[in-house]
Every structure is written in C-alpha cells, then in structure tokens.
Amino acid sequence: MARKNSKNTTSKRHTAIPAKAEQPATPLKKAAEAVTPAPVIPAAAPKISKPIDRAAVTANIAALRGNDADVARDAAAALGGLGDVSAVEPLIEVLANSNDYFHSVVRAAAASSLAQLNDARAFQPLVNAVRDNMAEASAEAVRALATMGDPRAVGVLIDIVRNPSGYFLSAVRLAAVAGLKQLGGERAAAELRQVAADGSEDPVIREAATNSR
C-alpha cells in the first residue's frame, strides 16, 4: 500500500551678437515654423516567451508522490509557475485524492497551481474539491475557481456562502465571499448585498460581504 505523504515543515558664456534686422516671415516660413515634429516613439520590444523547463516539470510531477508532504507541496506549487499544461492531469489527480494519499497541504498547492495554469479541464475537479474535508484545501479550491474566472463558479460560491447543510467552515465561506467579489457581476453582487443585510449572519461573514460591495 502506498504511504501517505506526511507533513515536515556649460554652460558656455554667451557672447552678445549684434541683432540682424528682422525679416518678415514668408507664408511658407510661417507654416514651417507652425509644424511641431511628431514625437519619436521607440518600437516596443518583442515579447519573448520563456521556454518551458521540461526537466523541471518532469521532476516535480514525480515529486508529487514523495513521502515528505513538504517536498510534495513545493513540487505542486512549482508546477503552476512552470506553465506546462502537461502538469494539469497530475495536479487534478492530487486534488481528487482518490486513494487518500495526498496530504491537505499538497492538495491546496495543487489547487493554486491549477488556477495559475487556467486550463478548462480543472474546472469540475476544483468544484468537487471545494468539499474537501480539510478547510485549507477546500478554501484554496474556492480561491482557484475565482482566479480562473469562469462565470459558472458564481453559483458554486453562492452555495458555499449560504451553506445550507452547515458543511463549510467560516474560512471557506470567507474565501467564497472574496471569490464572489473577484468574479463580479450582478448575481454575485446581489448575493453579497443580501449577506451584508442579514442580521442573523455570522458577523465576520457579514462584515466581509459588506466590505466587498
């Protein structure tokens, strides 16, 4: 059985020159003097894409299954910055945690990196991950959905804020309130107004919604 990764944490002087009699300007001269040369705007430097370090991508994907959760977490976090979509599926596997192998800090880092990579394949796995049984990973999945900016996430986050089953802790609901502000739109704004006006709401959640309007 695979071992679950565990947490290890002049000025020159001017000489007077006799003035010449001023000659009346010809119309052509006047027109020439009236023209202001256009400013010279340097051409923008071409944008050069940073090549992907394939070796680093491969090494970090392999490190996801290390026994040390700190090493695996750092590997998951690095994959988002490397910008290679070949990491999307391995990170989704971490997020799903189907064999209960990956530590919550690794799952949270995977969610964050999936937001950086912003691949459509990650949307539903992140929606599923908001119900992670560890608030740290759940909240990071919420933040990832908001960062990706898919409007479908608005409904998911509203459900978390309303929390009808009482499943979500305050930290996750706060992340959802911040996410609704980030996603924007009338539906999200209406929900935030409703939460801010609800006298029976958790004061911390209510304040967050008020400050988000």
Foldseek 3Di string as FASTA:
>chain_A
DQAAADEDDDPDDDDDDDDDPDDDDDPVRVVVVPDDDDDDDDDDDDDDDDDQPVVLLVVLLVQCSDNHLVSNLVSLLVNLVSLDCVCLVSLLCLLPCPVVRYDLSNLLSSLQSCLSNLDPVCQVSLLVSLLPLDQSNNLSSLLSNLSSLDVVCLVSLLCQLVVPVVRHDPSNNLSSLVSLLSNDDDVSLVSLVVLLPDPVHDPVSNVSSVVSD
